[in-house]
Amino acid sequence: MAQDDNIITMQKEVEAALARPAESVKWGMLIDTRKCVGCHACTIGCVSEYKLPPGVVYRPVMEEETGSYPMVKRSFLPRPCMQCENPPCVKVCPVGATFKRKDGIVEINYEKCIGCRSCIANCPYGARTFDTGSYYTSGTPQLQPYETSTFYEYGKKYSRTGHGSPVVGSARKCHFCTSRIKVGMLPVCVSTCIGRATYFGDLNDKNSLINKVLSSGKPTRLKETLGTGPQVYYL
């Protein structure tokens, strides 16, 4: 199957999953590290989609260099939020601001978050960061529009400017692009991946493309022994 055909297939599968009850859907992601070239298009696409400020990253790509010159090899590992079945971040939140949805995605309620950062300290994957309210263009004659524009997360419209923004001073993380899923679109990291290394879909749908690719290889999950049940798989 052609790479672009995969995108179209996954898009249709997302649309089909939305017609089913939320509790019957379990969103998951598969990253084929053999295809990842370390271009960081997923990271930049995510930054652009959510106007992410300094220090806030949802989709970092970890890099490792092994060997010695001239036999050197570089490997890349995209690391979104794992959307754990048993998320450690939920247990430690003192105000219930972070919770697990029926479809398996772990969400943050910015209006409830008090910025204690307990969830950040308790995430074994380093998937959470903190919005300090800073801007890349602070100290310049003018804050640039790409930093001050409104954006959508969790199906809501947010702004980081103005007094009392609920986003500033809150923990933030990858959420599989819930606002995009809601309207039948794929997560931005899936769409922007030039190597088509990222798969997304309903893990409960045995006929979904993500499950077909999972069954064709030997997938692994990060830190499985912790019992977190990550819903992001790797080949």
C-alpha atoms as a PDB file:
ATOM      1  CA  MET A   1       0.000   0.000   0.000  1.00  0.00           C
ATOM      2  CA  ALA A   2       1.335   3.439  -0.930  1.00  0.00           C
ATOM      3  CA  GLN A   3       2.230   5.800   1.888  1.00  0.00           C
ATOM      4  CA  ASP A   4      -0.408   8.362   0.916  1.00  0.00           C
ATOM      5  CA  ASP A   5      -2.974   5.542   0.743  1.00  0.00           C
ATOM      6  CA  ASN A   6      -2.139   4.790   4.388  1.00  0.00           C
ATOM      7  CA  ILE A   7      -3.020   8.353   5.356  1.00  0.00           C
ATOM      8  CA  ILE A   8      -6.334   8.145   3.518  1.00  0.00           C
ATOM      9  CA  THR A   9      -7.086   4.772   5.119  1.00  0.00           C
ATOM     10  CA  MET A  10      -6.372   6.039   8.631  1.00  0.00           C
ATOM     11  CA  GLN A  11      -8.424   9.177   7.979  1.00  0.00           C
ATOM     12  CA  LYS A  12     -11.438   7.063   7.023  1.00  0.00           C
ATOM     13  CA  GLU A  13     -10.914   4.838  10.054  1.00  0.00           C
ATOM     14  CA  VAL A  14     -10.970   7.855  12.377  1.00  0.00           C
ATOM     15  CA  GLU A  15     -14.221   9.016  10.812  1.00  0.00           C
ATOM     16  CA  ALA A  16     -15.710   5.534  11.229  1.00  0.00           C
ATOM     17  CA  ALA A  17     -14.584   5.317  14.868  1.00  0.00           C
ATOM     18  CA  LEU A  18     -16.334   8.575  15.684  1.00  0.00           C
ATOM     19  CA  ALA A  19     -19.651   6.942  14.792  1.00  0.00           C
ATOM     20  CA  ARG A  20     -19.122   4.380  17.568  1.00  0.00           C
ATOM     21  CA  PRO A  21     -19.662   5.019  21.310  1.00  0.00           C
ATOM     22  CA  ALA A  22     -16.613   6.667  22.913  1.00  0.00           C
ATOM     23  CA  GLU A  23     -16.262   3.875  25.467  1.00  0.00           C
ATOM     24  CA  SER A  24     -15.854   1.308  22.675  1.00  0.00           C
ATOM     25  CA  VAL A  25     -12.917   3.187  21.112  1.00  0.00           C
ATOM     26  CA  LYS A  26      -9.307   3.077  22.323  1.00  0.00           C
ATOM     27  CA  TRP A  27      -7.046   5.447  20.447  1.00  0.00           C
ATOM     28  CA  GLY A  28      -3.477   4.311  19.991  1.00  0.00           C
ATOM     29  CA  MET A  29      -0.327   5.180  18.090  1.00  0.00           C
ATOM     30  CA  LEU A  30       2.422   3.149  16.467  1.00  0.00           C
ATOM     31  CA  ILE A  31       5.787   4.622  15.507  1.00  0.00           C
ATOM     32  CA  ASP A  32       8.003   2.696  13.108  1.00  0.00           C
ATOM     33  CA  THR A  33      11.478   3.843  14.102  1.00  0.00           C
ATOM     34  CA  ARG A  34      12.892   2.181  10.989  1.00  0.00           C
ATOM     35  CA  LYS A  35      11.172   4.862   8.927  1.00  0.00           C
ATOM     36  CA  CYS A  36      11.924   7.846  11.174  1.00  0.00           C
ATOM     37  CA  VAL A  37      14.680  10.038   9.674  1.00  0.00           C
ATOM     38  CA  GLY A  38      14.868  12.551  12.523  1.00  0.00           C
ATOM     39  CA  CYS A  39      13.490  15.442  10.461  1.00  0.00           C
ATOM     40  CA  HIS A  40      11.454  16.771  13.430  1.00  0.00           C
ATOM     41  CA  ALA A  41       8.549  17.625  11.122  1.00  0.00           C
ATOM     42  CA  CYS A  42       6.183  16.110  13.705  1.00  0.00           C
ATOM     43  CA  THR A  43       7.638  18.328  16.433  1.00  0.00           C
ATOM     44  CA  ILE A  44       7.417  21.509  14.374  1.00  0.00           C
ATOM     45  CA  GLY A  45       3.952  20.652  13.076  1.00  0.00           C
ATOM     46  CA  CYS A  46       2.778  20.278  16.666  1.00  0.00           C
ATOM     47  CA  VAL A  47       4.404  23.577  17.712  1.00  0.00           C
ATOM     48  CA  SER A  48       2.673  25.323  14.823  1.00  0.00           C
ATOM     49  CA  GLU A  49      -0.712  23.725  15.477  1.00  0.00           C
ATOM     50  CA  TYR A  50      -0.825  24.690  19.152  1.00  0.00           C
ATOM     51  CA  LYS A  51       1.335  27.840  19.165  1.00  0.00           C
ATOM     52  CA  LEU A  52       3.585  26.151  21.729  1.00  0.00           C
ATOM     53  CA  PRO A  53       5.788  28.565  23.726  1.00  0.00           C
ATOM     54  CA  PRO A  54       9.369  28.110  24.957  1.00  0.00           C
ATOM     55  CA  GLY A  55       9.750  25.106  27.216  1.00  0.00           C
ATOM     56  CA  VAL A  56       6.534  23.424  26.080  1.00  0.00           C
ATOM     57  CA  VAL A  57       6.862  20.469  23.729  1.00  0.00           C
ATOM     58  CA  TYR A  58       4.348  17.735  22.996  1.00  0.00           C
ATOM     59  CA  ARG A  59       6.257  15.631  20.480  1.00  0.00           C
ATOM     60  CA  PRO A  60      10.010  15.640  21.097  1.00  0.00           C
ATOM     61  CA  VAL A  61      12.251  13.391  19.031  1.00  0.00           C
ATOM     62  CA  MET A  62      15.003  11.845  21.111  1.00  0.00           C
ATOM     63  CA  GLU A  63      18.329  11.250  19.336  1.00  0.00           C
ATOM     64  CA  GLU A  64      21.101   8.776  20.057  1.00  0.00           C
ATOM     65  CA  GLU A  65      24.483   8.377  18.417  1.00  0.00           C
ATOM     66  CA  THR A  66      26.272   5.053  18.674  1.00  0.00           C
ATOM     67  CA  GLY A  67      29.554   3.686  17.397  1.00  0.00           C
ATOM     68  CA  SER A  68      32.785   5.517  16.688  1.00  0.00           C
ATOM     69  CA  TYR A  69      34.096   7.319  13.639  1.00  0.00           C
ATOM     70  CA  PRO A  70      33.838   6.388  10.837  1.00  0.00           C
ATOM     71  CA  MET A  71      31.243   3.747  11.800  1.00  0.00           C
ATOM     72  CA  VAL A  72      28.704   6.044  13.417  1.00  0.00           C
ATOM     73  CA  LYS A  73      24.967   5.514  13.546  1.00  0.00           C
ATOM     74  CA  ARG A  74      22.193   7.869  14.639  1.00  0.00           C
ATOM     75  CA  SER A  75      18.791   6.644  15.790  1.00  0.00           C
ATOM     76  CA  PHE A  76      15.639   8.618  16.513  1.00  0.00           C
ATOM     77  CA  LEU A  77      12.753   8.048  18.900  1.00  0.00           C
ATOM     78  CA  PRO A  78       9.663  10.289  18.753  1.00  0.00           C
ATOM     79  CA  ARG A  79       8.167  10.428  22.245  1.00  0.00           C
ATOM     80  CA  PRO A  80       4.608  11.723  22.569  1.00  0.00           C
ATOM     81  CA  CYS A  81       2.439  11.215  25.646  1.00  0.00           C
ATOM     82  CA  MET A  82       1.895   7.485  26.082  1.00  0.00           C
ATOM     83  CA  GLN A  83      -1.827   7.877  26.968  1.00  0.00           C
ATOM     84  CA  CYS A  84      -1.321   5.203  29.622  1.00  0.00           C
ATOM     85  CA  GLU A  85      -4.028   2.745  30.572  1.00  0.00           C
ATOM     86  CA  ASN A  86      -2.876   3.251  34.159  1.00  0.00           C
ATOM     87  CA  PRO A  87      -1.573   6.858  34.075  1.00  0.00           C
ATOM     88  CA  PRO A  88       0.609   7.819  37.079  1.00  0.00           C
ATOM     89  CA  CYS A  89      -0.079  11.502  36.392  1.00  0.00           C
ATOM     90  CA  VAL A  90      -3.790  11.133  37.139  1.00  0.00           C
ATOM     91  CA  LYS A  91      -3.261   9.622  40.579  1.00  0.00           C
ATOM     92  CA  VAL A  92      -1.155  12.478  41.934  1.00  0.00           C
ATOM     93  CA  CYS A  93      -3.236  15.419  40.701  1.00  0.00           C
ATOM     94  CA  PRO A  94      -4.699  16.953  43.890  1.00  0.00           C
ATOM     95  CA  VAL A  95      -7.584  18.718  42.128  1.00  0.00           C
ATOM     96  CA  GLY A  96      -8.619  16.218  39.464  1.00  0.00           C
ATOM     97  CA  ALA A  97      -7.396  18.457  36.652  1.00  0.00           C
ATOM     98  CA  THR A  98      -5.905  15.563  34.729  1.00  0.00           C
ATOM     99  CA  PHE A  99      -8.094  12.586  33.949  1.00  0.00           C
ATOM    100  CA  LYS A 100      -8.573   9.682  31.562  1.00  0.00           C
ATOM    101  CA  ARG A 101     -11.326   9.915  28.951  1.00  0.00           C
ATOM    102  CA  LYS A 102     -13.583   7.059  27.850  1.00  0.00           C
ATOM    103  CA  ASP A 103     -11.588   6.713  24.621  1.00  0.00           C
ATOM    104  CA  GLY A 104      -8.313   6.284  26.533  1.00  0.00           C
ATOM    105  CA  ILE A 105      -6.830   9.758  26.020  1.00  0.00           C
ATOM    106  CA  VAL A 106      -5.467  11.464  29.146  1.00  0.00           C
ATOM    107  CA  GLU A 107      -6.696  15.056  29.245  1.00  0.00           C
ATOM    108  CA  ILE A 108      -5.840  18.184  31.241  1.00  0.00           C
ATOM    109  CA  ASN A 109      -8.487  20.652  32.389  1.00  0.00           C
ATOM    110  CA  TYR A 110      -6.623  23.967  32.305  1.00  0.00           C
ATOM    111  CA  GLU A 111      -9.357  25.696  34.283  1.00  0.00           C
ATOM    112  CA  LYS A 112      -8.784  23.298  37.196  1.00  0.00           C
ATOM    113  CA  CYS A 113      -4.985  22.974  37.011  1.00  0.00           C
ATOM    114  CA  ILE A 114      -3.237  24.795  39.868  1.00  0.00           C
ATOM    115  CA  GLY A 115       0.271  24.405  38.440  1.00  0.00           C
ATOM    116  CA  CYS A 116       1.644  22.254  41.262  1.00  0.00           C
ATOM    117  CA  ARG A 117       3.579  20.157  38.702  1.00  0.00           C
ATOM    118  CA  SER A 118       3.031  16.899  40.604  1.00  0.00           C
ATOM    119  CA  CYS A 119       1.978  15.257  37.343  1.00  0.00           C
ATOM    120  CA  ILE A 120       5.178  16.396  35.655  1.00  0.00           C
ATOM    121  CA  ALA A 121       7.308  14.871  38.403  1.00  0.00           C
ATOM    122  CA  ASN A 122       5.322  11.636  38.357  1.00  0.00           C
ATOM    123  CA  CYS A 123       5.355  10.981  34.604  1.00  0.00           C
ATOM    124  CA  PRO A 124       7.982   8.298  33.900  1.00  0.00           C
ATOM    125  CA  TYR A 125       8.144   9.328  30.235  1.00  0.00           C
ATOM    126  CA  GLY A 126       8.901  13.024  30.651  1.00  0.00           C
ATOM    127  CA  ALA A 127       5.833  13.710  28.514  1.00  0.00           C
ATOM    128  CA  ARG A 128       4.603  16.728  30.463  1.00  0.00           C
ATOM    129  CA  THR A 129       5.951  20.266  30.436  1.00  0.00           C
ATOM    130  CA  PHE A 130       4.895  23.546  32.060  1.00  0.00           C
ATOM    131  CA  ASP A 131       3.670  26.783  30.510  1.00  0.00           C
ATOM    132  CA  THR A 132       5.494  29.618  32.266  1.00  0.00           C
ATOM    133  CA  GLY A 133       3.864  32.299  30.112  1.00  0.00           C
ATOM    134  CA  SER A 134       7.013  33.172  28.171  1.00  0.00           C
ATOM    135  CA  TYR A 135       7.272  33.993  24.464  1.00  0.00           C
ATOM    136  CA  TYR A 136      10.024  33.533  21.901  1.00  0.00           C
ATOM    137  CA  THR A 137       9.714  37.159  20.836  1.00  0.00           C
ATOM    138  CA  SER A 138       9.700  38.641  24.349  1.00  0.00           C
ATOM    139  CA  GLY A 139      12.115  41.583  24.556  1.00  0.00           C
ATOM    140  CA  THR A 140      11.634  42.478  20.905  1.00  0.00           C
ATOM    141  CA  PRO A 141       9.654  45.521  19.713  1.00  0.00           C
ATOM    142  CA  GLN A 142       6.530  43.393  19.271  1.00  0.00           C
ATOM    143  CA  LEU A 143       5.234  39.958  20.147  1.00  0.00           C
ATOM    144  CA  GLN A 144       4.664  38.210  16.856  1.00  0.00           C
ATOM    145  CA  PRO A 145       1.161  37.096  15.798  1.00  0.00           C
ATOM    146  CA  TYR A 146       2.169  33.455  15.497  1.00  0.00           C
ATOM    147  CA  GLU A 147       2.753  33.456  19.262  1.00  0.00           C
ATOM    148  CA  THR A 148      -0.348  35.352  20.305  1.00  0.00           C
ATOM    149  CA  SER A 149      -2.914  33.673  18.047  1.00  0.00           C
ATOM    150  CA  THR A 150      -5.694  31.599  19.573  1.00  0.00           C
ATOM    151  CA  PHE A 151      -5.575  27.829  19.246  1.00  0.00           C
ATOM    152  CA  TYR A 152      -7.771  24.809  19.912  1.00  0.00           C
ATOM    153  CA  GLU A 153      -7.136  22.063  22.455  1.00  0.00           C
ATOM    154  CA  TYR A 154      -9.533  19.522  23.953  1.00  0.00           C
ATOM    155  CA  GLY A 155     -12.291  20.955  21.770  1.00  0.00           C
ATOM    156  CA  LYS A 156     -11.955  24.429  23.255  1.00  0.00           C
ATOM    157  CA  LYS A 157     -10.505  27.721  22.043  1.00  0.00           C
ATOM    158  CA  TYR A 158      -7.640  29.162  24.094  1.00  0.00           C
ATOM    159  CA  SER A 159      -5.422  32.220  24.180  1.00  0.00           C
ATOM    160  CA  ARG A 160      -2.208  32.731  26.132  1.00  0.00           C
ATOM    161  CA  THR A 161      -2.516  36.528  26.057  1.00  0.00           C
ATOM    162  CA  GLY A 162      -4.478  38.685  28.431  1.00  0.00           C
ATOM    163  CA  HIS A 163      -5.010  38.447  32.180  1.00  0.00           C
ATOM    164  CA  GLY A 164      -5.973  35.119  33.666  1.00  0.00           C
ATOM    165  CA  SER A 165      -5.321  32.789  30.735  1.00  0.00           C
ATOM    166  CA  PRO A 166      -5.999  29.252  32.042  1.00  0.00           C
ATOM    167  CA  VAL A 167      -3.231  27.842  29.848  1.00  0.00           C
ATOM    168  CA  VAL A 168      -0.437  29.899  31.410  1.00  0.00           C
ATOM    169  CA  GLY A 169       0.684  28.359  34.672  1.00  0.00           C
ATOM    170  CA  SER A 170      -0.668  24.933  33.730  1.00  0.00           C
ATOM    171  CA  ALA A 171       0.889  21.593  32.887  1.00  0.00           C
ATOM    172  CA  ARG A 172       0.674  20.751  29.169  1.00  0.00           C
ATOM    173  CA  LYS A 173       1.189  17.649  27.067  1.00  0.00           C
ATOM    174  CA  CYS A 174       0.380  15.720  23.910  1.00  0.00           C
ATOM    175  CA  HIS A 175      -3.258  14.677  23.660  1.00  0.00           C
ATOM    176  CA  PHE A 176      -3.352  12.920  20.277  1.00  0.00           C
ATOM    177  CA  CYS A 177      -4.850  16.143  18.842  1.00  0.00           C
ATOM    178  CA  THR A 178      -8.297  15.710  20.379  1.00  0.00           C
ATOM    179  CA  SER A 179      -9.636  18.786  18.567  1.00  0.00           C
ATOM    180  CA  ARG A 180      -8.586  17.314  15.227  1.00  0.00           C
ATOM    181  CA  ILE A 181      -9.917  13.840  16.047  1.00  0.00           C
ATOM    182  CA  LYS A 182     -13.253  15.385  17.020  1.00  0.00           C
ATOM    183  CA  VAL A 183     -13.774  16.583  13.439  1.00  0.00           C
ATOM    184  CA  GLY A 184     -12.433  13.416  11.826  1.00  0.00           C
ATOM    185  CA  MET A 185      -8.839  14.520  11.228  1.00  0.00           C
ATOM    186  CA  LEU A 186      -5.624  12.695  12.041  1.00  0.00           C
ATOM    187  CA  PRO A 187      -3.192  14.016  14.659  1.00  0.00           C
ATOM    188  CA  VAL A 188      -0.875  16.597  13.114  1.00  0.00           C
ATOM    189  CA  CYS A 189       2.222  14.458  13.786  1.00  0.00           C
ATOM    190  CA  VAL A 190       0.755  11.696  11.638  1.00  0.00           C
ATOM    191  CA  SER A 191      -0.047  14.039   8.765  1.00  0.00           C
ATOM    192  CA  THR A 192       3.317  15.833   8.763  1.00  0.00           C
ATOM    193  CA  CYS A 193       5.576  12.765   9.047  1.00  0.00           C
ATOM    194  CA  ILE A 194       7.538  12.731   5.785  1.00  0.00           C
ATOM    195  CA  GLY A 195       8.528   9.085   6.217  1.00  0.00           C
ATOM    196  CA  ARG A 196       4.982   8.025   7.152  1.00  0.00           C
ATOM    197  CA  ALA A 197       6.477   6.443  10.251  1.00  0.00           C
ATOM    198  CA  THR A 198       3.516   7.183  12.520  1.00  0.00           C
ATOM    199  CA  TYR A 199       0.283   5.198  12.524  1.00  0.00           C
ATOM    200  CA  PHE A 200      -2.878   6.118  14.417  1.00  0.00           C
ATOM    201  CA  GLY A 201      -6.236   4.509  14.954  1.00  0.00           C
ATOM    202  CA  ASP A 202      -8.645   2.576  17.126  1.00  0.00           C
ATOM    203  CA  LEU A 203      -6.838  -0.290  18.851  1.00  0.00           C
ATOM    204  CA  ASN A 204     -10.201  -1.941  19.501  1.00  0.00           C
ATOM    205  CA  ASP A 205     -10.806  -2.222  15.771  1.00  0.00           C
ATOM    206  CA  LYS A 206      -9.035  -5.430  14.799  1.00  0.00           C
ATOM    207  CA  ASN A 207      -9.270  -4.517  11.115  1.00  0.00           C
ATOM    208  CA  SER A 208      -7.675  -1.091  11.513  1.00  0.00           C
ATOM    209  CA  LEU A 209      -4.410  -0.326   9.751  1.00  0.00           C
ATOM    210  CA  ILE A 210      -2.578   0.246  13.029  1.00  0.00           C
ATOM    211  CA  ASN A 211      -3.517  -3.241  14.227  1.00  0.00           C
ATOM    212  CA  LYS A 212      -2.481  -4.793  10.929  1.00  0.00           C
ATOM    213  CA  VAL A 213       0.951  -3.167  11.157  1.00  0.00           C
ATOM    214  CA  LEU A 214       1.255  -4.119  14.841  1.00  0.00           C
ATOM    215  CA  SER A 215       0.585  -7.766  14.063  1.00  0.00           C
ATOM    216  CA  SER A 216       3.113  -7.787  11.219  1.00  0.00           C
ATOM    217  CA  GLY A 217       6.081  -7.052  13.451  1.00  0.00           C
ATOM    218  CA  LYS A 218       7.334  -7.296  17.014  1.00  0.00           C
ATOM    219  CA  PRO A 219       6.124  -4.088  18.694  1.00  0.00           C
ATOM    220  CA  THR A 220       7.540  -2.842  21.958  1.00  0.00           C
ATOM    221  CA  ARG A 221       6.416  -0.247  24.497  1.00  0.00           C
ATOM    222  CA  LEU A 222       8.531   2.021  26.670  1.00  0.00           C
ATOM    223  CA  LYS A 223       8.981   1.018  30.318  1.00  0.00           C
ATOM    224  CA  GLU A 224       6.304  -1.685  30.175  1.00  0.00           C
ATOM    225  CA  THR A 225       7.508  -3.140  33.472  1.00  0.00           C
ATOM    226  CA  LEU A 226       6.116  -0.102  35.310  1.00  0.00           C
ATOM    227  CA  GLY A 227       2.591  -1.305  34.648  1.00  0.00           C
ATOM    228  CA  THR A 228       1.489   1.968  33.054  1.00  0.00           C
ATOM    229  CA  GLY A 229       0.090   0.280  29.934  1.00  0.00           C
ATOM    230  CA  PRO A 230       1.271   2.836  27.336  1.00  0.00           C
ATOM    231  CA  GLN A 231      -0.893   3.075  24.218  1.00  0.00           C
ATOM    232  CA  VAL A 232       2.048   4.136  22.039  1.00  0.00           C
ATOM    233  CA  TYR A 233       3.867   1.243  20.392  1.00  0.00           C
ATOM    234  CA  TYR A 234       7.213   1.104  18.581  1.00  0.00           C
ATOM    235  CA  LEU A 235       8.667  -1.049  15.823  1.00  0.00           C
END
